[in-house]
C-alpha atoms as a PDB file:
ATOM      1  CA  MET A   1     121.032  57.150  10.884  1.00  0.00           C
ATOM      2  CA  LEU A   2     122.058  59.775   8.712  1.00  0.00           C
ATOM      3  CA  GLU A   3     122.123  63.331   9.550  1.00  0.00           C
ATOM      4  CA  ASN A   4     118.455  63.532   6.733  1.00  0.00           C
ATOM      5  CA  ASP A   5     116.383  60.099   8.506  1.00  0.00           C
ATOM      6  CA  GLU A   6     113.323  60.493   9.476  1.00  0.00           C
ATOM      7  CA  VAL A   7     110.790  58.121  10.923  1.00  0.00           C
ATOM      8  CA  VAL A   8     106.630  57.324   9.942  1.00  0.00           C
ATOM      9  CA  LEU A   9     105.225  54.176  12.687  1.00  0.00           C
ATOM     10  CA  VAL A  10     102.754  52.804  11.206  1.00  0.00           C
ATOM     11  CA  GLY A  11     100.984  50.364  13.378  1.00  0.00           C
ATOM     12  CA  HIS A  12      97.802  48.289  13.061  1.00  0.00           C
ATOM     13  CA  SER A  13      95.819  46.636  16.094  1.00  0.00           C
ATOM     14  CA  THR A  14      97.746  46.380  19.377  1.00  0.00           C
ATOM     15  CA  GLY A  15     101.264  47.418  17.526  1.00  0.00           C
ATOM     16  CA  GLY A  16     100.099  50.419  17.775  1.00  0.00           C
ATOM     17  CA  LEU A  17      99.327  49.980  21.449  1.00  0.00           C
ATOM     18  CA  ASP A  18     103.838  49.244  21.481  1.00  0.00           C
ATOM     19  CA  ILE A  19     103.974  52.901  19.978  1.00  0.00           C
ATOM     20  CA  ARG A  20     102.558  54.771  22.084  1.00  0.00           C
ATOM     21  CA  GLN A  21     104.538  52.142  24.286  1.00  0.00           C
ATOM     22  CA  LEU A  22     107.826  53.104  22.559  1.00  0.00           C
ATOM     23  CA  ILE A  23     107.418  57.262  22.308  1.00  0.00           C
ATOM     24  CA  CYS A  24     106.833  56.883  26.502  1.00  0.00           C
ATOM     25  CA  ASP A  25     109.763  54.942  26.540  1.00  0.00           C
ATOM     26  CA  LEU A  26     111.895  57.605  24.062  1.00  0.00           C
ATOM     27  CA  HIS A  27     110.515  60.555  26.241  1.00  0.00           C
ATOM     28  CA  ASN A  28     112.124  59.168  29.051  1.00  0.00           C
ATOM     29  CA  HIS A  29     114.984  57.587  28.795  1.00  0.00           C
ATOM     30  CA  GLU A  30     116.506  60.754  26.891  1.00  0.00           C
ATOM     31  CA  ARG A  31     120.071  60.353  26.916  1.00  0.00           C
ATOM     32  CA  LYS A  32     120.372  56.296  26.108  1.00  0.00           C
ATOM     33  CA  TYR A  33     122.369  54.757  23.026  1.00  0.00           C
ATOM     34  CA  VAL A  34     120.440  52.862  21.239  1.00  0.00           C
ATOM     35  CA  PRO A  35     122.125  50.955  18.438  1.00  0.00           C
ATOM     36  CA  ALA A  36     121.259  51.866  14.874  1.00  0.00           C
ATOM     37  CA  ASP A  37     121.982  50.382  12.254  1.00  0.00           C
ATOM     38  CA  GLY A  38     124.225  48.499  12.895  1.00  0.00           C
ATOM     39  CA  GLY A  39     126.921  51.319  13.412  1.00  0.00           C
ATOM     40  CA  GLU A  40     127.174  54.143  17.132  1.00  0.00           C
ATOM     41  CA  GLY A  41     124.482  54.021  19.274  1.00  0.00           C
ATOM     42  CA  VAL A  42     122.512  57.862  19.065  1.00  0.00           C
ATOM     43  CA  THR A  43     119.888  58.328  21.363  1.00  0.00           C
ATOM     44  CA  CYS A  44     116.561  58.071  22.632  1.00  0.00           C
ATOM     45  CA  ARG A  45     116.081  61.851  22.080  1.00  0.00           C
ATOM     46  CA  GLU A  46     116.616  61.520  18.681  1.00  0.00           C
ATOM     47  CA  ILE A  47     114.845  59.160  17.762  1.00  0.00           C
ATOM     48  CA  ARG A  48     112.268  61.029  18.579  1.00  0.00           C
ATOM     49  CA  GLU A  49     113.018  63.556  17.336  1.00  0.00           C
ATOM     50  CA  ARG A  50     112.832  62.582  13.809  1.00  0.00           C
ATOM     51  CA  LEU A  51     110.067  61.348  14.496  1.00  0.00           C
ATOM     52  CA  LYS A  52     107.824  62.866  12.117  1.00  0.00           C
ATOM     53  CA  ALA A  53     104.060  61.109  11.637  1.00  0.00           C
ATOM     54  CA  VAL A  54     102.654  58.447  13.647  1.00  0.00           C
ATOM     55  CA  VAL A  55      99.947  56.530  11.706  1.00  0.00           C
ATOM     56  CA  PHE A  56      97.148  54.150  13.894  1.00  0.00           C
ATOM     57  CA  LEU A  57      94.894  51.646  12.347  1.00  0.00           C
ATOM     58  CA  SER A  58      92.622  50.465  14.010  1.00  0.00           C
ATOM     59  CA  VAL A  59      93.792  50.149  17.841  1.00  0.00           C
ATOM     60  CA  PRO A  60      91.934  49.783  20.688  1.00  0.00           C
ATOM     61  CA  HIS A  61      93.624  52.867  22.776  1.00  0.00           C
ATOM     62  CA  TRP A  62      90.324  52.894  25.058  1.00  0.00           C
ATOM     63  CA  GLY A  63      90.468  48.826  25.625  1.00  0.00           C
ATOM     64  CA  THR A  64      88.377  45.988  23.796  1.00  0.00           C
ATOM     65  CA  ASN A  65      84.818  45.091  23.989  1.00  0.00           C
ATOM     66  CA  VAL A  66      86.188  42.211  25.098  1.00  0.00           C
ATOM     67  CA  ALA A  67      87.777  43.677  28.018  1.00  0.00           C
ATOM     68  CA  ASP A  68      85.650  46.023  29.981  1.00  0.00           C
ATOM     69  CA  TRP A  69      83.053  42.831  29.412  1.00  0.00           C
ATOM     70  CA  VAL A  70      85.520  40.674  31.546  1.00  0.00           C
ATOM     71  CA  TYR A  71      85.560  43.042  33.629  1.00  0.00           C
ATOM     72  CA  SER A  72      81.864  43.428  34.142  1.00  0.00           C
ATOM     73  CA  HIS A  73      81.620  40.025  35.110  1.00  0.00           C
ATOM     74  CA  PRO A  74      83.300  39.584  37.977  1.00  0.00           C
ATOM     75  CA  ALA A  75      81.324  36.109  38.894  1.00  0.00           C
ATOM     76  CA  TRP A  76      82.208  34.692  35.115  1.00  0.00           C
ATOM     77  CA  ARG A  77      86.257  35.875  34.886  1.00  0.00           C
ATOM     78  CA  MET A  78      86.693  33.498  37.917  1.00  0.00           C
ATOM     79  CA  MET A  79      84.731  31.572  36.630  1.00  0.00           C
ATOM     80  CA  VAL A  80      86.732  31.078  33.812  1.00  0.00           C
ATOM     81  CA  LEU A  81      89.883  31.810  35.575  1.00  0.00           C
ATOM     82  CA  THR A  82      89.742  28.777  37.652  1.00  0.00           C
ATOM     83  CA  GLU A  83      88.799  26.270  35.190  1.00  0.00           C
ATOM     84  CA  LEU A  84      92.591  27.387  33.836  1.00  0.00           C
ATOM     85  CA  ARG A  85      93.983  26.963  36.089  1.00  0.00           C
ATOM     86  CA  ALA A  86      92.389  23.690  36.360  1.00  0.00           C
ATOM     87  CA  VAL A  87      93.544  22.701  33.049  1.00  0.00           C
ATOM     88  CA  ILE A  88      96.960  23.733  33.329  1.00  0.00           C
ATOM     89  CA  ALA A  89      97.344  22.366  36.322  1.00  0.00           C
ATOM     90  CA  GLY A  90      95.717  18.709  35.215  1.00  0.00           C
ATOM     91  CA  SER A  91      98.141  19.211  31.313  1.00  0.00           C
ATOM     92  CA  ARG A  92     101.224  19.338  34.729  1.00  0.00           C
ATOM     93  CA  VAL A  93      99.745  15.692  35.317  1.00  0.00           C
ATOM     94  CA  TYR A  94     102.982  13.349  33.781  1.00  0.00           C
ATOM     95  CA  PRO A  95     100.369  10.447  32.132  1.00  0.00           C
ATOM     96  CA  LEU A  96      97.899  13.536  30.201  1.00  0.00           C
ATOM     97  CA  ASP A  97     101.483  14.151  28.541  1.00  0.00           C
ATOM     98  CA  GLN A  98     102.363  11.187  27.462  1.00  0.00           C
ATOM     99  CA  ILE A  99      98.441  10.710  25.516  1.00  0.00           C
ATOM    100  CA  GLU A 100      99.539  13.742  24.369  1.00  0.00           C
ATOM    101  CA  ALA A 101     102.886  12.750  22.929  1.00  0.00           C
ATOM    102  CA  GLY A 102     101.070   9.307  22.127  1.00  0.00           C
ATOM    103  CA  LEU A 103      97.926  11.227  20.361  1.00  0.00           C
ATOM    104  CA  THR A 104     100.371  13.370  18.361  1.00  0.00           C
END
């Protein structure tokens, strides 16, 4: 990293959530060194200090409608989870694996 380098982060959708987590990690691990541009490491604090802007595009900062619906319908959630577990368990059955392989 050069002396005058500036960092601008742009995050779309869940990429914005990743940026939020990154900023928290940079704050919580100020003295930790990370590799930069294949050269010497820089501290998390140095990266944070060079952060000049963050742009969020369509980031679900407060969750999503789907997550809200799933949370507010526990009976449906349990039914879907039960069915998913059955599908996963069924996919581990050896004869079914052979049939799938044959079809593909």
